[in-house]
Amino acid sequence: MFRRPVLTLFLLLLCAGALGLLALGAFPPAVTTAPVERVLPNDRFQVR
């Protein structure tokens, strides 16, 4: 059907990747916020 089917397949994959990136940029996933938990030092295991 095409003269170079590998090149056509590569171009189709490239276009699909570009469309995926454009869709991801247009509709970014929602970011879930979480509180930052600080690590407190444990005095029991420290060397005195």
PDB file of N, CA and C in Angstrom:
ATOM      1  N   MET A   1       0.824  -1.181   0.000  1.00  0.00           N
ATOM      2  CA  MET A   1       0.000   0.000   0.000  1.00  0.00           C
ATOM      3  C   MET A   1       0.875   1.255   0.000  1.00  0.00           C
ATOM      4  N   PHE A   2       1.811   1.339   0.950  1.00  0.00           N
ATOM      5  CA  PHE A   2       2.749   2.459   0.978  1.00  0.00           C
ATOM      6  C   PHE A   2       4.117   1.976   0.512  1.00  0.00           C
ATOM      7  N   ARG A   3       4.917   2.904   0.067  1.00  0.00           N
ATOM      8  CA  ARG A   3       6.255   2.514  -0.397  1.00  0.00           C
ATOM      9  C   ARG A   3       7.163   2.148   0.769  1.00  0.00           C
ATOM     10  N   ARG A   4       7.040   2.891   1.870  1.00  0.00           N
ATOM     11  CA  ARG A   4       7.876   2.626   3.047  1.00  0.00           C
ATOM     12  C   ARG A   4       6.969   2.444   4.260  1.00  0.00           C
ATOM     13  N   PRO A   5       6.517   1.225   4.536  1.00  0.00           N
ATOM     14  CA  PRO A   5       5.580   1.032   5.653  1.00  0.00           C
ATOM     15  C   PRO A   5       6.202   1.297   7.019  1.00  0.00           C
ATOM     16  N   VAL A   6       7.505   1.091   7.165  1.00  0.00           N
ATOM     17  CA  VAL A   6       8.147   1.340   8.461  1.00  0.00           C
ATOM     18  C   VAL A   6       8.153   2.838   8.752  1.00  0.00           C
ATOM     19  N   LEU A   7       8.436   3.641   7.737  1.00  0.00           N
ATOM     20  CA  LEU A   7       8.433   5.096   7.901  1.00  0.00           C
ATOM     21  C   LEU A   7       7.027   5.595   8.202  1.00  0.00           C
ATOM     22  N   THR A   8       6.029   5.031   7.544  1.00  0.00           N
ATOM     23  CA  THR A   8       4.646   5.422   7.795  1.00  0.00           C
ATOM     24  C   THR A   8       4.234   5.061   9.225  1.00  0.00           C
ATOM     25  N   LEU A   9       4.623   3.891   9.680  1.00  0.00           N
ATOM     26  CA  LEU A   9       4.318   3.484  11.045  1.00  0.00           C
ATOM     27  C   LEU A   9       5.013   4.396  12.047  1.00  0.00           C
ATOM     28  N   PHE A  10       6.268   4.754  11.766  1.00  0.00           N
ATOM     29  CA  PHE A  10       7.011   5.656  12.649  1.00  0.00           C
ATOM     30  C   PHE A  10       6.338   7.030  12.709  1.00  0.00           C
ATOM     31  N   LEU A  11       5.897   7.539  11.575  1.00  0.00           N
ATOM     32  CA  LEU A  11       5.233   8.838  11.554  1.00  0.00           C
ATOM     33  C   LEU A  11       3.895   8.791  12.295  1.00  0.00           C
ATOM     34  N   LEU A  12       3.171   7.690  12.160  1.00  0.00           N
ATOM     35  CA  LEU A  12       1.908   7.561  12.884  1.00  0.00           C
ATOM     36  C   LEU A  12       2.136   7.517  14.389  1.00  0.00           C
ATOM     37  N   LEU A  13       3.159   6.789  14.829  1.00  0.00           N
ATOM     38  CA  LEU A  13       3.474   6.752  16.256  1.00  0.00           C
ATOM     39  C   LEU A  13       3.933   8.111  16.772  1.00  0.00           C
ATOM     40  N   LEU A  14       4.688   8.822  15.958  1.00  0.00           N
ATOM     41  CA  LEU A  14       5.150  10.155  16.337  1.00  0.00           C
ATOM     42  C   LEU A  14       3.976  11.117  16.465  1.00  0.00           C
ATOM     43  N   CYS A  15       3.052  11.052  15.527  1.00  0.00           N
ATOM     44  CA  CYS A  15       1.865  11.914  15.588  1.00  0.00           C
ATOM     45  C   CYS A  15       0.988  11.545  16.786  1.00  0.00           C
ATOM     46  N   ALA A  16       0.851  10.264  17.080  1.00  0.00           N
ATOM     47  CA  ALA A  16       0.053   9.850  18.238  1.00  0.00           C
ATOM     48  C   ALA A  16       0.692  10.343  19.536  1.00  0.00           C
ATOM     49  N   GLY A  17       2.024  10.282  19.616  1.00  0.00           N
ATOM     50  CA  GLY A  17       2.716  10.794  20.799  1.00  0.00           C
ATOM     51  C   GLY A  17       2.550  12.296  20.949  1.00  0.00           C
ATOM     52  N   ALA A  18       2.626  13.026  19.833  1.00  0.00           N
ATOM     53  CA  ALA A  18       2.453  14.475  19.877  1.00  0.00           C
ATOM     54  C   ALA A  18       1.026  14.829  20.294  1.00  0.00           C
ATOM     55  N   LEU A  19       0.050  14.102  19.776  1.00  0.00           N
ATOM     56  CA  LEU A  19      -1.335  14.360  20.173  1.00  0.00           C
ATOM     57  C   LEU A  19      -1.562  14.025  21.648  1.00  0.00           C
ATOM     58  N   GLY A  20      -0.909  12.985  22.130  1.00  0.00           N
ATOM     59  CA  GLY A  20      -1.021  12.647  23.543  1.00  0.00           C
ATOM     60  C   GLY A  20      -0.436  13.728  24.432  1.00  0.00           C
ATOM     61  N   LEU A  21       0.717  14.273  24.024  1.00  0.00           N
ATOM     62  CA  LEU A  21       1.318  15.355  24.809  1.00  0.00           C
ATOM     63  C   LEU A  21       0.467  16.612  24.771  1.00  0.00           C
ATOM     64  N   LEU A  22      -0.125  16.895  23.625  1.00  0.00           N
ATOM     65  CA  LEU A  22      -1.014  18.059  23.534  1.00  0.00           C
ATOM     66  C   LEU A  22      -2.253  17.874  24.401  1.00  0.00           C
ATOM     67  N   ALA A  23      -2.805  16.669  24.408  1.00  0.00           N
ATOM     68  CA  ALA A  23      -3.976  16.404  25.243  1.00  0.00           C
ATOM     69  C   ALA A  23      -3.619  16.490  26.721  1.00  0.00           C
ATOM     70  N   LEU A  24      -2.444  16.014  27.082  1.00  0.00           N
ATOM     71  CA  LEU A  24      -2.002  16.085  28.472  1.00  0.00           C
ATOM     72  C   LEU A  24      -1.756  17.539  28.884  1.00  0.00           C
ATOM     73  N   GLY A  25      -1.242  18.346  27.953  1.00  0.00           N
ATOM     74  CA  GLY A  25      -1.023  19.757  28.254  1.00  0.00           C
ATOM     75  C   GLY A  25      -2.323  20.534  28.338  1.00  0.00           C
ATOM     76  N   ALA A  26      -3.303  20.169  27.509  1.00  0.00           N
ATOM     77  CA  ALA A  26      -4.583  20.880  27.519  1.00  0.00           C
ATOM     78  C   ALA A  26      -5.428  20.482  28.721  1.00  0.00           C
ATOM     79  N   PHE A  27      -5.370  19.209  29.101  1.00  0.00           N
ATOM     80  CA  PHE A  27      -6.159  18.716  30.224  1.00  0.00           C
ATOM     81  C   PHE A  27      -5.239  18.010  31.215  1.00  0.00           C
ATOM     82  N   PRO A  28      -4.504  18.768  32.028  1.00  0.00           N
ATOM     83  CA  PRO A  28      -3.569  18.134  32.971  1.00  0.00           C
ATOM     84  C   PRO A  28      -4.330  17.377  34.052  1.00  0.00           C
ATOM     85  N   PRO A  29      -3.731  16.326  34.602  1.00  0.00           N
ATOM     86  CA  PRO A  29      -4.401  15.586  35.675  1.00  0.00           C
ATOM     87  C   PRO A  29      -4.498  16.433  36.947  1.00  0.00           C
ATOM     88  N   ALA A  30      -5.515  16.173  37.724  1.00  0.00           N
ATOM     89  CA  ALA A  30      -5.727  16.930  38.958  1.00  0.00           C
ATOM     90  C   ALA A  30      -4.632  16.576  39.970  1.00  0.00           C
ATOM     91  N   VAL A  31      -4.159  17.590  40.672  1.00  0.00           N
ATOM     92  CA  VAL A  31      -3.113  17.401  41.676  1.00  0.00           C
ATOM     93  C   VAL A  31      -3.777  17.285  43.034  1.00  0.00           C
ATOM     94  N   THR A  32      -3.475  16.215  43.739  1.00  0.00           N
ATOM     95  CA  THR A  32      -4.017  16.056  45.091  1.00  0.00           C
ATOM     96  C   THR A  32      -3.025  16.629  46.085  1.00  0.00           C
ATOM     97  N   THR A  33      -3.518  17.507  46.925  1.00  0.00           N
ATOM     98  CA  THR A  33      -2.641  18.126  47.918  1.00  0.00           C
ATOM     99  C   THR A  33      -2.633  17.270  49.176  1.00  0.00           C
ATOM    100  N   ALA A  34      -1.478  17.164  49.780  1.00  0.00           N
ATOM    101  CA  ALA A  34      -1.324  16.399  51.021  1.00  0.00           C
ATOM    102  C   ALA A  34      -0.492  17.233  51.990  1.00  0.00           C
ATOM    103  N   PRO A  35      -0.810  17.187  53.259  1.00  0.00           N
ATOM    104  CA  PRO A  35      -0.020  17.951  54.229  1.00  0.00           C
ATOM    105  C   PRO A  35       1.392  17.383  54.348  1.00  0.00           C
ATOM    106  N   VAL A  36       2.322  18.282  54.574  1.00  0.00           N
ATOM    107  CA  VAL A  36       3.720  17.875  54.726  1.00  0.00           C
ATOM    108  C   VAL A  36       3.934  17.403  56.153  1.00  0.00           C
ATOM    109  N   GLU A  37       4.451  16.197  56.285  1.00  0.00           N
ATOM    110  CA  GLU A  37       4.695  15.653  57.620  1.00  0.00           C
ATOM    111  C   GLU A  37       6.187  15.719  57.910  1.00  0.00           C
ATOM    112  N   ARG A  38       6.541  16.414  58.975  1.00  0.00           N
ATOM    113  CA  ARG A  38       7.947  16.534  59.348  1.00  0.00           C
ATOM    114  C   ARG A  38       8.351  15.337  60.193  1.00  0.00           C
ATOM    115  N   VAL A  39       9.567  14.916  60.008  1.00  0.00           N
ATOM    116  CA  VAL A  39      10.100  13.806  60.787  1.00  0.00           C
ATOM    117  C   VAL A  39      10.719  14.375  62.051  1.00  0.00           C
ATOM    118  N   LEU A  40      10.225  13.925  63.188  1.00  0.00           N
ATOM    119  CA  LEU A  40      10.757  14.399  64.463  1.00  0.00           C
ATOM    120  C   LEU A  40      11.903  13.484  64.896  1.00  0.00           C
ATOM    121  N   PRO A  41      12.948  14.042  65.468  1.00  0.00           N
ATOM    122  CA  PRO A  41      14.061  13.200  65.913  1.00  0.00           C
ATOM    123  C   PRO A  41      13.639  12.314  67.085  1.00  0.00           C
ATOM    124  N   ASN A  42      14.104  11.088  67.061  1.00  0.00           N
ATOM    125  CA  ASN A  42      13.788  10.143  68.122  1.00  0.00           C
ATOM    126  C   ASN A  42      14.970  10.117  69.097  1.00  0.00           C
ATOM    127  N   ASP A  43      14.747  10.609  70.309  1.00  0.00           N
ATOM    128  CA  ASP A  43      15.830  10.721  71.297  1.00  0.00           C
ATOM    129  C   ASP A  43      16.231   9.374  71.879  1.00  0.00           C
ATOM    130  N   ARG A  44      15.379   8.383  71.778  1.00  0.00           N
ATOM    131  CA  ARG A  44      15.683   7.091  72.397  1.00  0.00           C
ATOM    132  C   ARG A  44      16.870   6.402  71.740  1.00  0.00           C
ATOM    133  N   PHE A  45      17.048   6.582  70.438  1.00  0.00           N
ATOM    134  CA  PHE A  45      18.075   5.837  69.712  1.00  0.00           C
ATOM    135  C   PHE A  45      19.310   6.659  69.396  1.00  0.00           C
ATOM    136  N   GLN A  46      19.393   7.868  69.918  1.00  0.00           N
ATOM    137  CA  GLN A  46      20.578   8.684  69.669  1.00  0.00           C
ATOM    138  C   GLN A  46      21.676   8.335  70.657  1.00  0.00           C
ATOM    139  N   VAL A  47      22.927   8.463  70.187  1.00  0.00           N
ATOM    140  CA  VAL A  47      24.076   8.177  71.050  1.00  0.00           C
ATOM    141  C   VAL A  47      24.323   9.383  71.934  1.00  0.00           C
ATOM    142  N   ARG A  48      24.516   9.113  73.220  1.00  0.00           N
ATOM    143  CA  ARG A  48      24.761  10.231  74.153  1.00  0.00           C
ATOM    144  C   ARG A  48      26.214  10.403  74.438  1.00  0.00           C
TER     145      ARG A  48
END
